[in-house]
Amino acid sequence: MILQLISACLFLAVAVISFIMALKGLSVQQFLPFHANSAGVQWDSLDRRLQAVIISMVRINGYAFLIVSIQLIIGLIGNFFLANRLLQSVSASMAFVFCLGLFLSNYRLHLQTNAKTPWKGSLFAALALAIGLILSMSL
């Protein structure tokens, strides 16, 4: 029971963080500071059409974070209220793939530009999901 609770807490933590990131991504009005740092340009120096493309891409990422948060919550509900561990495992596995991809993208950008990208946060999320999955399988 304690392993199940730890696993659920890890999944919930990533779901909450993902929801916060979704709100940030969906409400963005310009690229994030690490984007400016990576690109070496300020927002105001960009063409308006390029600004629109960048905002669109950041918002698409916001929707991806929203999907991750929703699927983790659905997985938790499926496990605790429907006794469906498979639903939780599939949901967490899909979220893990997203977070791992996010980590790899952010880390590559960090290596290429020396910008302070949020690679550590995405690595934390991927590791939390991996640990949660391992714990949930040992039940």
Protein backbone atom coordinates (compact mmCIF):
# COMPACT_ATOMS: atom_id res chain seq x y z
CA MET A 1 0.00 0.00 0.00
CA ILE A 2 2.83 2.43 0.82
CA LEU A 3 4.45 1.86 -2.59
CA GLN A 4 1.14 2.56 -4.28
CA LEU A 5 0.81 5.81 -2.33
CA ILE A 6 4.37 6.91 -3.20
CA SER A 7 3.75 6.07 -6.85
CA ALA A 8 0.49 8.05 -6.83
CA CYS A 9 2.21 11.04 -5.20
CA LEU A 10 4.91 11.03 -7.88
CA PHE A 11 2.31 10.87 -10.66
CA LEU A 12 0.26 13.61 -9.01
CA ALA A 13 3.31 15.85 -8.61
CA VAL A 14 4.10 15.58 -12.32
CA ALA A 15 0.42 16.15 -13.16
CA VAL A 16 0.33 19.36 -11.11
CA ILE A 17 3.62 20.63 -12.56
CA SER A 18 2.39 19.79 -16.06
CA PHE A 19 -0.85 21.66 -15.45
CA ILE A 20 1.07 24.74 -14.29
CA MET A 21 3.27 24.53 -17.38
CA ALA A 22 0.15 24.16 -19.53
CA LEU A 23 -1.29 27.36 -18.09
CA LYS A 24 1.98 29.17 -18.74
CA GLY A 25 2.26 27.83 -22.28
CA LEU A 26 -1.34 28.56 -23.21
CA SER A 27 -1.23 32.13 -21.91
CA VAL A 28 2.14 33.09 -23.37
CA GLN A 29 2.45 36.44 -25.14
CA GLN A 30 6.09 36.04 -26.20
CA PHE A 31 8.77 33.41 -26.04
CA LEU A 32 10.12 32.37 -22.68
CA PRO A 33 13.32 33.90 -21.27
CA PHE A 34 15.35 30.77 -21.99
CA HIS A 35 14.19 30.96 -25.62
CA ALA A 36 15.54 34.53 -25.88
CA ASN A 37 18.75 33.44 -24.20
CA SER A 38 19.10 30.46 -26.55
CA ALA A 39 18.36 32.47 -29.68
CA GLY A 40 20.47 35.43 -28.63
CA VAL A 41 17.74 37.86 -29.70
CA GLN A 42 15.07 39.85 -27.94
CA TRP A 43 11.38 39.41 -28.69
CA ASP A 44 10.90 42.92 -30.04
CA SER A 45 13.60 42.42 -32.68
CA LEU A 46 11.67 39.57 -34.34
CA ASP A 47 9.35 39.98 -37.31
CA ARG A 48 5.65 39.91 -36.30
CA ARG A 49 4.98 36.82 -38.42
CA LEU A 50 7.87 34.97 -36.79
CA GLN A 51 6.53 36.04 -33.40
CA ALA A 52 3.14 34.53 -34.33
CA VAL A 53 4.80 31.24 -35.34
CA ILE A 54 6.78 31.08 -32.08
CA ILE A 55 3.70 31.83 -29.95
CA SER A 56 1.79 29.13 -31.81
CA MET A 57 4.54 26.58 -31.16
CA VAL A 58 4.77 27.47 -27.47
CA ARG A 59 0.98 27.15 -27.16
CA ILE A 60 1.05 23.75 -28.86
CA ASN A 61 3.56 22.72 -26.20
CA GLY A 62 1.14 24.10 -23.60
CA TYR A 63 -1.56 21.81 -24.95
CA ALA A 64 0.85 18.87 -24.72
CA PHE A 65 1.45 19.68 -21.05
CA LEU A 66 -2.32 19.87 -20.54
CA ILE A 67 -2.76 16.44 -22.11
CA VAL A 68 -0.04 15.00 -19.87
CA SER A 69 -1.67 16.41 -16.74
CA ILE A 70 -5.13 15.14 -17.74
CA GLN A 71 -3.91 11.66 -18.66
CA LEU A 72 -2.02 11.30 -15.37
CA ILE A 73 -5.13 12.31 -13.41
CA ILE A 74 -7.25 9.87 -15.44
CA GLY A 75 -4.68 7.15 -14.71
CA LEU A 76 -4.83 7.89 -10.98
CA ILE A 77 -8.63 7.88 -11.00
CA GLY A 78 -8.62 4.63 -12.97
CA ASN A 79 -6.30 2.99 -10.46
CA PHE A 80 -7.90 4.18 -7.24
CA PHE A 81 -11.59 4.21 -8.14
CA LEU A 82 -11.83 1.58 -10.87
CA ALA A 83 -8.97 -0.67 -9.73
CA ASN A 84 -7.49 -0.42 -13.22
CA ARG A 85 -3.71 -0.45 -12.80
CA LEU A 86 -3.20 -0.88 -16.52
CA LEU A 87 -4.83 2.49 -17.22
CA GLN A 88 -2.49 4.16 -14.73
CA SER A 89 0.57 2.43 -16.18
CA VAL A 90 -0.30 3.34 -19.76
CA SER A 91 -1.03 6.95 -18.78
CA ALA A 92 2.21 7.29 -16.86
CA SER A 93 4.18 5.60 -19.65
CA MET A 94 2.86 8.07 -22.23
CA ALA A 95 3.66 10.98 -19.91
CA PHE A 96 7.15 9.53 -19.42
CA VAL A 97 7.76 9.51 -23.20
CA PHE A 98 6.74 13.19 -23.37
CA CYS A 99 8.91 14.21 -20.41
CA LEU A 100 11.89 12.24 -21.68
CA GLY A 101 11.57 13.87 -25.09
CA LEU A 102 11.24 17.26 -23.43
CA PHE A 103 14.39 16.58 -21.41
CA LEU A 104 16.36 15.50 -24.48
CA SER A 105 15.25 18.56 -26.47
CA ASN A 106 15.98 20.99 -23.64
CA TYR A 107 19.32 19.39 -22.85
CA ARG A 108 20.43 19.46 -26.50
CA LEU A 109 19.44 23.13 -26.69
CA HIS A 110 21.42 23.79 -23.50
CA LEU A 111 24.50 22.07 -24.95
CA GLN A 112 24.23 23.89 -28.27
CA THR A 113 23.61 27.39 -26.88
CA ASN A 114 24.79 27.33 -23.24
CA ALA A 115 21.36 28.76 -22.32
CA LYS A 116 19.77 27.90 -19.01
CA THR A 117 17.03 25.68 -20.40
CA PRO A 118 14.68 23.81 -18.04
CA TRP A 119 16.29 20.45 -18.75
CA LYS A 120 16.67 19.64 -15.06
CA GLY A 121 12.94 20.04 -14.44
CA SER A 122 12.02 17.78 -17.34
CA LEU A 123 14.60 15.23 -16.18
CA PHE A 124 13.06 15.33 -12.70
CA ALA A 125 9.60 14.72 -14.18
CA ALA A 126 10.84 11.81 -16.32
CA LEU A 127 12.64 10.24 -13.35
CA ALA A 128 9.62 10.73 -11.07
CA LEU A 129 7.43 8.97 -13.61
CA ALA A 130 9.95 6.16 -14.10
CA ILE A 131 10.23 5.60 -10.34
CA GLY A 132 6.46 5.76 -10.00
CA LEU A 133 6.07 3.17 -12.75
CA ILE A 134 8.62 0.84 -11.16
CA LEU A 135 6.95 1.17 -7.78
CA SER A 136 3.49 0.61 -9.22
CA MET A 137 4.67 -2.57 -10.99
CA SER A 138 6.06 -3.99 -7.77
CA LEU A 139 2.63 -4.04 -6.16
